[in-house]
């Protein structure tokens, strides 16, 4: 009996190590490129279709997301030739199991090489607020990235509204919506958290977000260990269509808490905007 128990224990240990190894390998894999098409533009929009690239939850920190890995992801992003890059926050990570943390300047530096026709726009996430939001804004602007803090920017036929982080209570959705309405253009809301989605009016047909990591660790039969959303699995991942509005939630690129991913691979979204029929 004792020998059998030892063998069972050894098998379980090996299985646990295999799962950990697989989860780390998944966490450091090149992100999957997911694609979506949204009919949002007015008929006859010049220059249509427009290709948006959504990145989120970069979480630069060792061991899984050093700046060298982010630089490789930037090259992958540029190869998609997007018209605009939108980043839904959480540029850094200060997880307890980090083998190394990086300054905001070091973390954001690889993003200077992002290339697109209309430029790169970003909002802050909860980890950016926990680290140093003022320094994050400076580093992003130094990198040539437009930071939207409950504000908007008109870009071609689009109006990008950037909602500051709802998870830490820095969002002002009403002010952002007023600014978007005053700016004109086709409104798109960029938010770190997907949770503001139910409060969007029908006039805002598309919202892009991250934050949930698609659960990051999803156990068989149980699902996500945590979604970091007040709505549980409702807005945890992928494309959600409700009341004529579309929400796209990315799984993100890096990790939080543990440098592991299980059942939720890193991804980026290439979103094609087409004219309405």
C-alpha atoms as a PDB file:
ATOM      1  CA  UNK A   1       0.000   0.000   0.000  1.00  0.00           C
ATOM      2  CA  UNK A   2       2.807   2.397   0.888  1.00  0.00           C
ATOM      3  CA  UNK A   3       4.556   1.771  -2.439  1.00  0.00           C
ATOM      4  CA  UNK A   4       1.293   2.351  -4.302  1.00  0.00           C
ATOM      5  CA  UNK A   5       0.707   5.649  -2.446  1.00  0.00           C
ATOM      6  CA  UNK A   6       4.227   6.806  -3.330  1.00  0.00           C
ATOM      7  CA  UNK A   7       3.660   5.960  -6.983  1.00  0.00           C
ATOM      8  CA  UNK A   8       0.355   7.789  -7.031  1.00  0.00           C
ATOM      9  CA  UNK A   9       1.990  10.788  -5.384  1.00  0.00           C
ATOM     10  CA  UNK A  10       4.789  10.762  -7.935  1.00  0.00           C
ATOM     11  CA  UNK A  11       2.311  10.599 -10.836  1.00  0.00           C
ATOM     12  CA  UNK A  12       0.295  13.484  -9.410  1.00  0.00           C
ATOM     13  CA  UNK A  13       3.448  15.544  -8.904  1.00  0.00           C
ATOM     14  CA  UNK A  14       4.580  14.930 -12.470  1.00  0.00           C
ATOM     15  CA  UNK A  15       1.110  15.832 -13.741  1.00  0.00           C
ATOM     16  CA  UNK A  16       1.134  19.066 -11.744  1.00  0.00           C
ATOM     17  CA  UNK A  17       4.582  19.962 -13.073  1.00  0.00           C
ATOM     18  CA  UNK A  18       3.425  19.225 -16.621  1.00  0.00           C
ATOM     19  CA  UNK A  19       0.416  21.507 -16.212  1.00  0.00           C
ATOM     20  CA  UNK A  20       2.611  24.268 -14.789  1.00  0.00           C
ATOM     21  CA  UNK A  21       5.071  23.909 -17.638  1.00  0.00           C
ATOM     22  CA  UNK A  22       2.294  23.973 -20.227  1.00  0.00           C
ATOM     23  CA  UNK A  23       0.706  27.008 -18.574  1.00  0.00           C
ATOM     24  CA  UNK A  24       3.976  28.937 -18.615  1.00  0.00           C
ATOM     25  CA  UNK A  25       4.637  27.955 -22.211  1.00  0.00           C
ATOM     26  CA  UNK A  26       1.158  29.224 -23.122  1.00  0.00           C
ATOM     27  CA  UNK A  27       1.780  32.487 -21.264  1.00  0.00           C
ATOM     28  CA  UNK A  28       4.930  33.262 -23.268  1.00  0.00           C
ATOM     29  CA  UNK A  29       3.616  32.119 -26.665  1.00  0.00           C
ATOM     30  CA  UNK A  30       3.144  34.583 -29.509  1.00  0.00           C
ATOM     31  CA  UNK A  31      -0.379  36.005 -29.294  1.00  0.00           C
ATOM     32  CA  UNK A  32      -3.117  34.570 -31.458  1.00  0.00           C
ATOM     33  CA  UNK A  33      -4.503  37.080 -33.961  1.00  0.00           C
ATOM     34  CA  UNK A  34      -8.290  37.032 -33.751  1.00  0.00           C
ATOM     35  CA  UNK A  35     -10.415  38.795 -36.339  1.00  0.00           C
ATOM     36  CA  UNK A  36     -13.801  40.467 -36.314  1.00  0.00           C
ATOM     37  CA  UNK A  37     -15.809  42.508 -38.796  1.00  0.00           C
ATOM     38  CA  UNK A  38     -18.207  45.194 -37.596  1.00  0.00           C
ATOM     39  CA  UNK A  39     -20.543  47.089 -39.934  1.00  0.00           C
ATOM     40  CA  UNK A  40     -20.310  50.477 -38.277  1.00  0.00           C
ATOM     41  CA  UNK A  41     -19.337  53.094 -40.854  1.00  0.00           C
ATOM     42  CA  UNK A  42     -21.816  55.206 -42.814  1.00  0.00           C
ATOM     43  CA  UNK A  43     -22.379  54.068 -46.415  1.00  0.00           C
ATOM     44  CA  UNK A  44     -19.819  55.548 -48.778  1.00  0.00           C
ATOM     45  CA  UNK A  45     -17.212  56.306 -46.088  1.00  0.00           C
ATOM     46  CA  UNK A  46     -13.987  57.250 -47.913  1.00  0.00           C
ATOM     47  CA  UNK A  47     -11.070  54.947 -47.214  1.00  0.00           C
ATOM     48  CA  UNK A  48     -13.245  52.099 -45.932  1.00  0.00           C
ATOM     49  CA  UNK A  49     -12.713  49.485 -44.683  1.00  0.00           C
ATOM     50  CA  UNK A  50     -10.703  50.588 -41.633  1.00  0.00           C
ATOM     51  CA  UNK A  51      -8.612  48.088 -39.692  1.00  0.00           C
ATOM     52  CA  UNK A  52      -8.223  48.544 -35.931  1.00  0.00           C
ATOM     53  CA  UNK A  53      -5.778  46.521 -33.847  1.00  0.00           C
ATOM     54  CA  UNK A  54      -6.712  45.991 -30.184  1.00  0.00           C
ATOM     55  CA  UNK A  55      -3.944  45.226 -27.696  1.00  0.00           C
ATOM     56  CA  UNK A  56      -4.433  45.000 -23.956  1.00  0.00           C
ATOM     57  CA  UNK A  57      -2.937  43.926 -20.630  1.00  0.00           C
ATOM     58  CA  UNK A  58       0.702  43.980 -21.673  1.00  0.00           C
ATOM     59  CA  UNK A  59       1.924  43.664 -18.062  1.00  0.00           C
ATOM     60  CA  UNK A  60       5.634  44.091 -18.674  1.00  0.00           C
ATOM     61  CA  UNK A  61       7.565  42.140 -16.007  1.00  0.00           C
ATOM     62  CA  UNK A  62       9.809  39.090 -15.776  1.00  0.00           C
ATOM     63  CA  UNK A  63       9.780  36.252 -16.385  1.00  0.00           C
ATOM     64  CA  UNK A  64       7.010  36.140 -18.988  1.00  0.00           C
ATOM     65  CA  UNK A  65       6.914  39.647 -20.495  1.00  0.00           C
ATOM     66  CA  UNK A  66      10.307  41.351 -20.635  1.00  0.00           C
ATOM     67  CA  UNK A  67      10.592  44.294 -23.052  1.00  0.00           C
ATOM     68  CA  UNK A  68      12.345  42.005 -25.543  1.00  0.00           C
ATOM     69  CA  UNK A  69       9.188  39.875 -25.851  1.00  0.00           C
ATOM     70  CA  UNK A  70       7.052  42.988 -26.236  1.00  0.00           C
ATOM     71  CA  UNK A  71       9.350  44.150 -29.043  1.00  0.00           C
ATOM     72  CA  UNK A  72       8.699  40.853 -30.845  1.00  0.00           C
ATOM     73  CA  UNK A  73       4.940  41.313 -30.404  1.00  0.00           C
ATOM     74  CA  UNK A  74       5.200  44.839 -31.831  1.00  0.00           C
ATOM     75  CA  UNK A  75       6.810  43.393 -34.962  1.00  0.00           C
ATOM     76  CA  UNK A  76       3.943  40.901 -35.188  1.00  0.00           C
ATOM     77  CA  UNK A  77       1.433  43.757 -34.815  1.00  0.00           C
ATOM     78  CA  UNK A  78       3.096  45.882 -37.500  1.00  0.00           C
ATOM     79  CA  UNK A  79       3.000  42.957 -39.935  1.00  0.00           C
ATOM     80  CA  UNK A  80      -0.807  43.171 -39.798  1.00  0.00           C
ATOM     81  CA  UNK A  81      -0.631  46.751 -41.220  1.00  0.00           C
ATOM     82  CA  UNK A  82      -3.463  48.180 -39.084  1.00  0.00           C
ATOM     83  CA  UNK A  83      -4.873  51.632 -39.735  1.00  0.00           C
ATOM     84  CA  UNK A  84      -4.984  52.343 -35.995  1.00  0.00           C
ATOM     85  CA  UNK A  85      -3.722  50.685 -32.817  1.00  0.00           C
ATOM     86  CA  UNK A  86      -5.796  50.862 -29.639  1.00  0.00           C
ATOM     87  CA  UNK A  87      -4.316  49.744 -26.304  1.00  0.00           C
ATOM     88  CA  UNK A  88      -6.731  49.011 -23.449  1.00  0.00           C
ATOM     89  CA  UNK A  89      -4.417  49.609 -20.502  1.00  0.00           C
ATOM     90  CA  UNK A  90      -2.261  47.750 -17.968  1.00  0.00           C
ATOM     91  CA  UNK A  91       1.196  48.386 -19.354  1.00  0.00           C
ATOM     92  CA  UNK A  92       3.058  47.200 -16.255  1.00  0.00           C
ATOM     93  CA  UNK A  93       2.842  44.443 -13.676  1.00  0.00           C
ATOM     94  CA  UNK A  94       4.050  44.320 -10.080  1.00  0.00           C
ATOM     95  CA  UNK A  95       3.005  40.758  -9.322  1.00  0.00           C
ATOM     96  CA  UNK A  96       4.668  39.180  -6.305  1.00  0.00           C
ATOM     97  CA  UNK A  97       6.178  36.364  -8.379  1.00  0.00           C
ATOM     98  CA  UNK A  98       7.901  38.699 -10.851  1.00  0.00           C
ATOM     99  CA  UNK A  99      11.538  37.864 -11.401  1.00  0.00           C
ATOM    100  CA  UNK A 100      12.108  41.456 -12.473  1.00  0.00           C
ATOM    101  CA  UNK A 101      10.101  44.648 -12.709  1.00  0.00           C
ATOM    102  CA  UNK A 102      10.768  47.384 -15.222  1.00  0.00           C
ATOM    103  CA  UNK A 103      10.318  51.138 -15.139  1.00  0.00           C
ATOM    104  CA  UNK A 104       7.461  52.647 -17.082  1.00  0.00           C
ATOM    105  CA  UNK A 105       9.920  54.048 -19.611  1.00  0.00           C
ATOM    106  CA  UNK A 106      11.474  50.601 -20.140  1.00  0.00           C
ATOM    107  CA  UNK A 107       8.069  48.946 -20.323  1.00  0.00           C
ATOM    108  CA  UNK A 108       6.637  51.309 -22.897  1.00  0.00           C
ATOM    109  CA  UNK A 109       9.759  51.887 -25.034  1.00  0.00           C
ATOM    110  CA  UNK A 110       9.075  48.974 -27.463  1.00  0.00           C
ATOM    111  CA  UNK A 111       5.693  50.516 -28.286  1.00  0.00           C
ATOM    112  CA  UNK A 112       7.417  53.462 -29.964  1.00  0.00           C
ATOM    113  CA  UNK A 113       7.902  51.155 -32.952  1.00  0.00           C
ATOM    114  CA  UNK A 114       4.185  50.567 -33.526  1.00  0.00           C
ATOM    115  CA  UNK A 115       3.199  51.758 -36.999  1.00  0.00           C
ATOM    116  CA  UNK A 116      -0.244  52.595 -38.335  1.00  0.00           C
ATOM    117  CA  UNK A 117      -1.918  55.158 -40.580  1.00  0.00           C
ATOM    118  CA  UNK A 118      -3.814  56.968 -37.800  1.00  0.00           C
ATOM    119  CA  UNK A 119      -1.492  56.311 -34.854  1.00  0.00           C
ATOM    120  CA  UNK A 120      -1.777  54.629 -31.464  1.00  0.00           C
ATOM    121  CA  UNK A 121      -4.300  55.500 -28.744  1.00  0.00           C
ATOM    122  CA  UNK A 122      -4.420  54.192 -25.180  1.00  0.00           C
ATOM    123  CA  UNK A 123      -6.169  54.312 -21.837  1.00  0.00           C
ATOM    124  CA  UNK A 124      -4.711  53.439 -18.443  1.00  0.00           C
ATOM    125  CA  UNK A 125      -5.563  50.285 -16.492  1.00  0.00           C
ATOM    126  CA  UNK A 126      -5.703  49.484 -12.802  1.00  0.00           C
ATOM    127  CA  UNK A 127      -2.050  48.379 -12.644  1.00  0.00           C
ATOM    128  CA  UNK A 128      -0.951  51.667 -14.213  1.00  0.00           C
ATOM    129  CA  UNK A 129      -2.913  53.565 -11.575  1.00  0.00           C
ATOM    130  CA  UNK A 130      -1.467  51.420  -8.781  1.00  0.00           C
ATOM    131  CA  UNK A 131       2.091  52.066 -10.031  1.00  0.00           C
ATOM    132  CA  UNK A 132       2.137  55.757 -11.066  1.00  0.00           C
ATOM    133  CA  UNK A 133      -0.531  57.112 -13.448  1.00  0.00           C
ATOM    134  CA  UNK A 134       1.196  60.468 -13.997  1.00  0.00           C
ATOM    135  CA  UNK A 135       4.445  58.775 -14.968  1.00  0.00           C
ATOM    136  CA  UNK A 136       2.538  56.351 -17.198  1.00  0.00           C
ATOM    137  CA  UNK A 137       0.964  59.233 -19.107  1.00  0.00           C
ATOM    138  CA  UNK A 138       4.352  60.912 -19.569  1.00  0.00           C
ATOM    139  CA  UNK A 139       5.978  57.691 -20.790  1.00  0.00           C
ATOM    140  CA  UNK A 140       3.154  57.001 -23.223  1.00  0.00           C
ATOM    141  CA  UNK A 141       3.156  60.499 -24.656  1.00  0.00           C
ATOM    142  CA  UNK A 142       6.945  60.377 -24.958  1.00  0.00           C
ATOM    143  CA  UNK A 143       6.480  57.180 -26.971  1.00  0.00           C
ATOM    144  CA  UNK A 144       4.130  59.030 -29.337  1.00  0.00           C
ATOM    145  CA  UNK A 145       0.995  57.353 -27.976  1.00  0.00           C
ATOM    146  CA  UNK A 146      -2.141  59.449 -27.505  1.00  0.00           C
ATOM    147  CA  UNK A 147      -3.497  58.990 -23.964  1.00  0.00           C
ATOM    148  CA  UNK A 148      -7.234  59.417 -23.546  1.00  0.00           C
ATOM    149  CA  UNK A 149      -8.426  60.129 -19.981  1.00  0.00           C
ATOM    150  CA  UNK A 150     -12.218  60.391 -20.164  1.00  0.00           C
ATOM    151  CA  UNK A 151     -11.636  62.329 -23.372  1.00  0.00           C
ATOM    152  CA  UNK A 152     -11.896  61.910 -27.125  1.00  0.00           C
ATOM    153  CA  UNK A 153      -9.947  62.288 -30.314  1.00  0.00           C
ATOM    154  CA  UNK A 154     -11.363  62.619 -33.844  1.00  0.00           C
ATOM    155  CA  UNK A 155      -9.403  60.455 -36.267  1.00  0.00           C
ATOM    156  CA  UNK A 156     -10.626  60.441 -39.844  1.00  0.00           C
ATOM    157  CA  UNK A 157     -14.283  59.342 -39.775  1.00  0.00           C
ATOM    158  CA  UNK A 158     -13.930  57.936 -36.241  1.00  0.00           C
ATOM    159  CA  UNK A 159     -14.219  59.458 -32.797  1.00  0.00           C
ATOM    160  CA  UNK A 160     -12.242  57.468 -30.248  1.00  0.00           C
ATOM    161  CA  UNK A 161     -13.459  57.936 -26.690  1.00  0.00           C
ATOM    162  CA  UNK A 162     -11.008  56.814 -24.037  1.00  0.00           C
ATOM    163  CA  UNK A 163     -12.517  55.872 -20.688  1.00  0.00           C
ATOM    164  CA  UNK A 164     -10.159  55.975 -17.728  1.00  0.00           C
ATOM    165  CA  UNK A 165     -10.027  52.868 -15.541  1.00  0.00           C
ATOM    166  CA  UNK A 166     -13.387  51.813 -14.081  1.00  0.00           C
ATOM    167  CA  UNK A 167     -11.860  49.139 -11.829  1.00  0.00           C
ATOM    168  CA  UNK A 168     -10.095  51.796  -9.726  1.00  0.00           C
ATOM    169  CA  UNK A 169     -12.948  54.300 -10.014  1.00  0.00           C
ATOM    170  CA  UNK A 170     -11.233  56.773 -12.342  1.00  0.00           C
ATOM    171  CA  UNK A 171     -13.810  56.513 -15.124  1.00  0.00           C
ATOM    172  CA  UNK A 172     -16.253  59.260 -16.029  1.00  0.00           C
ATOM    173  CA  UNK A 173     -18.523  57.714 -18.620  1.00  0.00           C
ATOM    174  CA  UNK A 174     -20.976  60.612 -18.790  1.00  0.00           C
ATOM    175  CA  UNK A 175     -18.226  63.143 -19.500  1.00  0.00           C
ATOM    176  CA  UNK A 176     -16.662  60.859 -22.096  1.00  0.00           C
ATOM    177  CA  UNK A 177     -19.984  60.324 -23.871  1.00  0.00           C
ATOM    178  CA  UNK A 178     -20.664  64.067 -23.923  1.00  0.00           C
ATOM    179  CA  UNK A 179     -17.235  64.695 -25.422  1.00  0.00           C
ATOM    180  CA  UNK A 180     -17.805  62.018 -28.052  1.00  0.00           C
ATOM    181  CA  UNK A 181     -21.177  63.471 -29.018  1.00  0.00           C
ATOM    182  CA  UNK A 182     -19.697  66.970 -29.287  1.00  0.00           C
ATOM    183  CA  UNK A 183     -16.798  65.743 -31.423  1.00  0.00           C
ATOM    184  CA  UNK A 184     -18.961  64.021 -34.032  1.00  0.00           C
ATOM    185  CA  UNK A 185     -17.833  61.142 -36.190  1.00  0.00           C
ATOM    186  CA  UNK A 186     -18.454  57.433 -35.701  1.00  0.00           C
ATOM    187  CA  UNK A 187     -18.053  56.800 -31.952  1.00  0.00           C
ATOM    188  CA  UNK A 188     -15.906  53.945 -30.591  1.00  0.00           C
ATOM    189  CA  UNK A 189     -15.255  53.580 -26.869  1.00  0.00           C
ATOM    190  CA  UNK A 190     -11.927  52.250 -25.590  1.00  0.00           C
ATOM    191  CA  UNK A 191     -11.983  51.096 -21.961  1.00  0.00           C
ATOM    192  CA  UNK A 192      -9.731  48.985 -19.775  1.00  0.00           C
ATOM    193  CA  UNK A 193     -12.637  47.187 -18.095  1.00  0.00           C
ATOM    194  CA  UNK A 194     -15.634  45.856 -20.039  1.00  0.00           C
ATOM    195  CA  UNK A 195     -18.011  46.560 -17.148  1.00  0.00           C
ATOM    196  CA  UNK A 196     -19.268  49.971 -18.393  1.00  0.00           C
ATOM    197  CA  UNK A 197     -20.711  48.292 -21.514  1.00  0.00           C
ATOM    198  CA  UNK A 198     -24.345  47.968 -20.309  1.00  0.00           C
ATOM    199  CA  UNK A 199     -24.447  51.721 -19.676  1.00  0.00           C
ATOM    200  CA  UNK A 200     -23.534  52.664 -23.237  1.00  0.00           C
ATOM    201  CA  UNK A 201     -26.261  54.330 -25.289  1.00  0.00           C
ATOM    202  CA  UNK A 202     -27.276  52.799 -28.603  1.00  0.00           C
ATOM    203  CA  UNK A 203     -25.424  55.609 -30.385  1.00  0.00           C
ATOM    204  CA  UNK A 204     -22.079  54.015 -29.423  1.00  0.00           C
ATOM    205  CA  UNK A 205     -22.077  50.860 -31.481  1.00  0.00           C
ATOM    206  CA  UNK A 206     -18.635  49.494 -30.580  1.00  0.00           C
ATOM    207  CA  UNK A 207     -16.651  49.198 -27.355  1.00  0.00           C
ATOM    208  CA  UNK A 208     -13.185  47.648 -26.983  1.00  0.00           C
ATOM    209  CA  UNK A 209     -11.758  46.439 -23.669  1.00  0.00           C
ATOM    210  CA  UNK A 210      -9.412  44.069 -21.861  1.00  0.00           C
ATOM    211  CA  UNK A 211      -8.746  43.604 -18.119  1.00  0.00           C
ATOM    212  CA  UNK A 212     -10.297  40.139 -17.723  1.00  0.00           C
ATOM    213  CA  UNK A 213      -7.488  38.207 -19.471  1.00  0.00           C
ATOM    214  CA  UNK A 214     -10.348  35.935 -20.625  1.00  0.00           C
ATOM    215  CA  UNK A 215      -9.983  34.407 -17.172  1.00  0.00           C
ATOM    216  CA  UNK A 216      -6.210  33.730 -17.625  1.00  0.00           C
ATOM    217  CA  UNK A 217      -6.539  30.399 -15.783  1.00  0.00           C
ATOM    218  CA  UNK A 218      -9.595  28.394 -16.765  1.00  0.00           C
ATOM    219  CA  UNK A 219      -9.962  25.021 -15.066  1.00  0.00           C
ATOM    220  CA  UNK A 220     -11.787  22.095 -16.690  1.00  0.00           C
ATOM    221  CA  UNK A 221     -15.447  21.867 -15.604  1.00  0.00           C
ATOM    222  CA  UNK A 222     -14.985  24.935 -13.370  1.00  0.00           C
ATOM    223  CA  UNK A 223     -14.086  27.708 -15.778  1.00  0.00           C
ATOM    224  CA  UNK A 224     -12.261  30.916 -14.947  1.00  0.00           C
ATOM    225  CA  UNK A 225     -10.699  31.134 -11.505  1.00  0.00           C
ATOM    226  CA  UNK A 226     -11.342  34.894 -11.636  1.00  0.00           C
ATOM    227  CA  UNK A 227     -12.808  37.277 -14.218  1.00  0.00           C
ATOM    228  CA  UNK A 228     -12.187  40.587 -12.401  1.00  0.00           C
ATOM    229  CA  UNK A 229     -15.623  41.676 -13.606  1.00  0.00           C
ATOM    230  CA  UNK A 230     -18.787  42.481 -11.670  1.00  0.00           C
ATOM    231  CA  UNK A 231     -20.669  40.541 -14.354  1.00  0.00           C
ATOM    232  CA  UNK A 232     -18.795  37.248 -14.005  1.00  0.00           C
ATOM    233  CA  UNK A 233     -18.518  35.477 -17.372  1.00  0.00           C
ATOM    234  CA  UNK A 234     -20.960  37.776 -19.156  1.00  0.00           C
ATOM    235  CA  UNK A 235     -18.263  40.053 -20.590  1.00  0.00           C
ATOM    236  CA  UNK A 236     -15.180  37.982 -19.864  1.00  0.00           C
ATOM    237  CA  UNK A 237     -13.967  37.281 -23.385  1.00  0.00           C
ATOM    238  CA  UNK A 238     -14.414  37.763 -27.105  1.00  0.00           C
ATOM    239  CA  UNK A 239     -17.352  39.260 -28.972  1.00  0.00           C
ATOM    240  CA  UNK A 240     -20.565  40.159 -27.154  1.00  0.00           C
ATOM    241  CA  UNK A 241     -23.559  41.694 -28.960  1.00  0.00           C
ATOM    242  CA  UNK A 242     -26.314  43.222 -26.842  1.00  0.00           C
ATOM    243  CA  UNK A 243     -29.071  45.645 -27.792  1.00  0.00           C
ATOM    244  CA  UNK A 244     -27.459  46.421 -31.126  1.00  0.00           C
ATOM    245  CA  UNK A 245     -24.064  47.235 -29.554  1.00  0.00           C
ATOM    246  CA  UNK A 246     -20.873  45.222 -29.949  1.00  0.00           C
ATOM    247  CA  UNK A 247     -18.251  44.639 -27.258  1.00  0.00           C
ATOM    248  CA  UNK A 248     -14.886  43.021 -28.007  1.00  0.00           C
ATOM    249  CA  UNK A 249     -12.806  41.924 -25.008  1.00  0.00           C
ATOM    250  CA  UNK A 250      -9.218  40.835 -25.582  1.00  0.00           C
ATOM    251  CA  UNK A 251      -7.434  38.157 -23.561  1.00  0.00           C
ATOM    252  CA  UNK A 252      -4.402  40.431 -23.316  1.00  0.00           C
ATOM    253  CA  UNK A 253      -0.724  39.772 -23.868  1.00  0.00           C
ATOM    254  CA  UNK A 254       0.808  39.413 -20.398  1.00  0.00           C
ATOM    255  CA  UNK A 255      -0.247  37.980 -17.057  1.00  0.00           C
ATOM    256  CA  UNK A 256      -1.320  39.092 -13.600  1.00  0.00           C
ATOM    257  CA  UNK A 257      -0.643  37.450 -10.204  1.00  0.00           C
ATOM    258  CA  UNK A 258       0.912  34.299 -11.746  1.00  0.00           C
ATOM    259  CA  UNK A 259       3.026  34.104 -14.923  1.00  0.00           C
ATOM    260  CA  UNK A 260       0.734  31.345 -16.200  1.00  0.00           C
ATOM    261  CA  UNK A 261      -2.123  30.911 -18.667  1.00  0.00           C
ATOM    262  CA  UNK A 262      -4.373  27.892 -18.909  1.00  0.00           C
ATOM    263  CA  UNK A 263      -7.258  27.766 -21.351  1.00  0.00           C
ATOM    264  CA  UNK A 264      -6.890  31.467 -22.201  1.00  0.00           C
ATOM    265  CA  UNK A 265      -4.126  32.099 -24.715  1.00  0.00           C
ATOM    266  CA  UNK A 266      -2.674  35.599 -25.246  1.00  0.00           C
ATOM    267  CA  UNK A 267      -4.262  37.391 -28.171  1.00  0.00           C
ATOM    268  CA  UNK A 268      -4.695  40.577 -30.178  1.00  0.00           C
ATOM    269  CA  UNK A 269      -7.761  41.532 -32.204  1.00  0.00           C
ATOM    270  CA  UNK A 270      -7.730  42.813 -35.782  1.00  0.00           C
ATOM    271  CA  UNK A 271     -11.105  44.480 -36.257  1.00  0.00           C
ATOM    272  CA  UNK A 272     -12.345  45.473 -39.695  1.00  0.00           C
ATOM    273  CA  UNK A 273     -14.841  48.319 -39.791  1.00  0.00           C
ATOM    274  CA  UNK A 274     -17.065  48.264 -42.857  1.00  0.00           C
ATOM    275  CA  UNK A 275     -19.873  50.529 -44.044  1.00  0.00           C
ATOM    276  CA  UNK A 276     -23.403  49.640 -42.990  1.00  0.00           C
ATOM    277  CA  UNK A 277     -25.515  48.221 -45.789  1.00  0.00           C
END
